[in-house]
Amino acid sequence: TGLLANTTYHVRAYATNSADTGYGNQLLFTTPVSNGPDFVITSIVLAPSVPAVGGKFTATITVQNQGAVSGKAGYLYVWLDKAGTAAIGEKSDKSSSLTTLKPGASKTVKLSLTAPKTWGTFTLRAFVDAKNGTKEDDEYNNQGTYVYSTGLPDFKISAVRLSPEIPLASKTF
């Protein structure tokens, strides 16, 4: 999955045991030329990368049209914790409208989210769905995931007190 259109790939099988590694023959194949749009999640970045439990964070998600023609990307749907594949029409935690993307063009979306209110590891899922308004070359490569953990909230120093209030040079305070 995730192969680019009109691209040559080299593959070779191998097997390793305690004695040695054996390699099979190298095979070449070229993926077919894309005839239509193909929307793919190319990047997911969280800031902070370890959100505080129940805290705010930003997900920056990039969608690219890897197809051969322009198309309406539809919507970007995001779930805070969804390990399984998303389906068309499924309710998400957040969404954003996307524009028409030319071949090779990308759209980056920043979403403000609130982390789950429990400790743990979660799977953020992003899904591009044109709601059947645009026929894509590959209808199965339009999802991306990012596994993240929630952490301790950041602490902020709210006051500092000195004793004595005005320390003397070279003296302990």
Protein backbone atom coordinates (compact mmCIF):
# COMPACT_ATOMS: atom_id res chain seq x y z
CA THR A 1 0.00 0.00 0.00
CA GLY A 2 1.03 3.65 -0.33
CA LEU A 3 2.89 3.17 -3.63
CA LEU A 4 3.21 6.13 -5.98
CA ALA A 5 1.78 6.01 -9.51
CA ASN A 6 4.16 5.58 -12.45
CA THR A 7 7.09 4.63 -10.18
CA THR A 8 9.55 1.75 -10.54
CA TYR A 9 10.11 -0.33 -7.39
CA HIS A 10 12.84 -2.89 -6.66
CA VAL A 11 11.91 -5.78 -4.34
CA ARG A 12 13.91 -8.70 -3.00
CA ALA A 13 12.99 -11.31 -0.41
CA TYR A 14 15.41 -12.47 2.27
CA ALA A 15 15.52 -14.93 5.15
CA THR A 16 17.82 -14.78 8.16
CA ASN A 17 18.71 -17.47 10.68
CA SER A 18 21.52 -17.88 13.22
CA ALA A 19 23.95 -19.04 10.51
CA ASP A 20 23.41 -16.65 7.61
CA THR A 21 21.13 -14.47 5.52
CA GLY A 22 19.91 -15.70 2.13
CA TYR A 23 18.62 -13.37 -0.59
CA GLY A 24 16.18 -14.03 -3.41
CA ASN A 25 16.29 -12.54 -6.89
CA GLN A 26 15.68 -8.84 -7.30
CA LEU A 27 12.40 -8.10 -9.05
CA LEU A 28 11.36 -4.83 -10.68
CA PHE A 29 7.84 -3.54 -11.24
CA THR A 30 6.37 -0.21 -12.24
CA THR A 31 3.05 0.98 -10.87
CA PRO A 32 0.54 2.08 -13.50
CA VAL A 33 0.03 5.69 -14.49
CA SER A 34 -2.70 7.29 -12.44
CA ASN A 35 -5.79 8.32 -14.38
CA GLY A 36 -7.56 10.29 -11.67
CA PRO A 37 -7.03 12.09 -8.38
CA ASP A 38 -5.64 10.17 -5.40
CA PHE A 39 -5.74 11.87 -1.98
CA VAL A 40 -3.22 10.61 0.58
CA ILE A 41 -2.31 11.69 4.13
CA THR A 42 1.43 12.43 3.84
CA SER A 43 2.16 13.86 7.29
CA ILE A 44 0.72 14.07 10.83
CA VAL A 45 2.54 16.16 13.45
CA LEU A 46 1.34 16.83 17.01
CA ALA A 47 2.37 19.85 19.09
CA PRO A 48 3.18 19.15 21.79
CA SER A 49 4.15 15.63 20.75
CA VAL A 50 3.05 14.33 24.17
CA PRO A 51 -0.21 16.16 25.00
CA ALA A 52 -1.14 16.60 28.65
CA VAL A 53 -4.02 14.43 29.89
CA GLY A 54 -7.16 16.39 28.93
CA GLY A 55 -4.97 19.22 27.56
CA LYS A 56 -5.10 21.12 24.29
CA PHE A 57 -2.82 20.21 21.40
CA THR A 58 -2.54 20.90 17.68
CA ALA A 59 -2.56 18.26 14.94
CA THR A 60 -1.00 19.47 11.68
CA ILE A 61 -2.07 17.14 8.88
CA THR A 62 -0.98 17.30 5.24
CA VAL A 63 -3.06 15.85 2.41
CA GLN A 64 -1.58 15.43 -1.07
CA ASN A 65 -3.14 14.63 -4.43
CA GLN A 66 -0.81 11.96 -5.80
CA GLY A 67 -3.02 11.40 -8.83
CA ALA A 68 -2.75 12.61 -12.42
CA VAL A 69 -5.68 15.07 -12.46
CA SER A 70 -7.24 17.68 -10.17
CA GLY A 71 -10.06 16.72 -7.87
CA LYS A 72 -12.15 17.91 -4.93
CA ALA A 73 -10.62 16.35 -1.83
CA GLY A 74 -13.83 16.78 0.19
CA TYR A 75 -13.23 16.65 3.94
CA LEU A 76 -10.52 15.68 6.40
CA TYR A 77 -11.91 13.72 9.37
CA VAL A 78 -9.92 13.13 12.57
CA TRP A 79 -10.46 10.77 15.51
CA LEU A 80 -8.53 11.12 18.79
CA ASP A 81 -8.40 7.36 19.25
CA LYS A 82 -9.35 5.04 16.41
CA ALA A 83 -7.12 2.06 15.74
CA GLY A 84 -9.45 0.55 13.13
CA THR A 85 -10.11 1.76 9.61
CA ALA A 86 -12.53 4.68 9.25
CA ALA A 87 -15.59 4.31 7.05
CA ILE A 88 -17.43 6.78 4.84
CA GLY A 89 -20.02 8.71 6.84
CA GLU A 90 -18.64 7.69 10.24
CA LYS A 91 -18.86 10.42 12.91
CA SER A 92 -15.44 11.89 13.74
CA ASP A 93 -14.11 13.99 16.62
CA LYS A 94 -13.13 16.87 14.30
CA SER A 95 -13.35 17.69 10.59
CA SER A 96 -12.19 20.31 8.12
CA SER A 97 -13.27 21.12 4.58
CA LEU A 98 -10.61 20.63 1.90
CA THR A 99 -10.23 22.36 -1.45
CA THR A 100 -9.71 21.13 -4.99
CA LEU A 101 -6.14 19.88 -5.29
CA LYS A 102 -4.12 19.83 -8.50
CA PRO A 103 -1.85 16.84 -9.22
CA GLY A 104 1.06 16.88 -6.75
CA ALA A 105 -0.48 19.72 -4.71
CA SER A 106 -0.76 19.53 -0.92
CA LYS A 107 -3.07 21.10 1.64
CA THR A 108 -1.97 21.40 5.27
CA VAL A 109 -4.66 21.69 7.95
CA LYS A 110 -4.09 22.63 11.60
CA LEU A 111 -6.71 21.36 14.02
CA SER A 112 -6.99 22.29 17.69
CA LEU A 113 -7.87 19.19 19.71
CA THR A 114 -8.31 18.16 23.34
CA ALA A 115 -6.44 15.04 24.47
CA PRO A 116 -8.29 12.17 26.15
CA LYS A 117 -8.87 12.64 29.89
CA THR A 118 -7.05 9.44 30.79
CA TRP A 119 -3.45 8.27 30.74
CA GLY A 120 -2.53 5.97 27.92
CA THR A 121 -1.48 5.42 24.35
CA PHE A 122 -3.89 6.41 21.59
CA THR A 123 -4.12 6.24 17.79
CA LEU A 124 -5.01 9.51 16.09
CA ARG A 125 -6.60 8.66 12.73
CA ALA A 126 -6.97 11.05 9.79
CA PHE A 127 -9.24 10.19 6.83
CA VAL A 128 -9.77 12.08 3.56
CA ASP A 129 -13.25 11.55 2.14
CA ALA A 130 -14.70 13.18 -0.94
CA LYS A 131 -18.07 11.60 -0.05
CA ASN A 132 -18.24 9.85 -3.42
CA GLY A 133 -18.02 13.26 -5.13
CA THR A 134 -14.63 12.39 -6.63
CA LYS A 135 -13.69 8.94 -7.91
CA GLU A 136 -10.12 8.20 -6.81
CA ASP A 137 -7.66 5.79 -8.41
CA ASP A 138 -7.11 4.16 -5.01
CA GLU A 139 -9.99 4.37 -2.54
CA TYR A 140 -8.03 2.59 0.20
CA ASN A 141 -4.91 4.72 0.75
CA ASN A 142 -6.63 7.86 2.09
CA GLN A 143 -6.04 7.23 5.81
CA GLY A 144 -3.13 7.91 8.11
CA THR A 145 -2.44 7.25 11.79
CA TYR A 146 -0.21 8.68 14.49
CA VAL A 147 0.30 6.79 17.76
CA TYR A 148 0.76 9.13 20.73
CA SER A 149 0.72 9.03 24.51
CA THR A 150 -0.73 11.49 26.97
CA GLY A 151 1.61 12.82 29.62
CA LEU A 152 1.92 15.04 32.63
CA PRO A 153 0.64 18.60 32.31
CA ASP A 154 3.25 21.33 32.03
CA PHE A 155 3.92 23.23 35.25
CA LYS A 156 4.28 26.98 35.38
CA ILE A 157 6.14 28.92 38.06
CA SER A 158 3.67 31.46 39.41
CA ALA A 159 5.81 33.16 42.09
CA VAL A 160 9.35 33.36 43.46
CA ARG A 161 10.12 34.62 46.97
CA LEU A 162 13.56 35.46 48.33
CA SER A 163 14.59 35.39 51.94
CA PRO A 164 15.93 37.83 52.79
CA GLU A 165 14.05 39.89 50.21
CA ILE A 166 17.21 41.74 49.24
CA PRO A 167 20.12 39.28 49.32
CA LEU A 168 23.59 40.58 50.15
CA ALA A 169 26.44 40.03 47.69
CA SER A 170 28.36 36.79 48.27
CA LYS A 171 25.91 35.70 51.01
CA THR A 172 23.53 32.76 51.11
CA PHE A 173 19.86 33.58 50.66
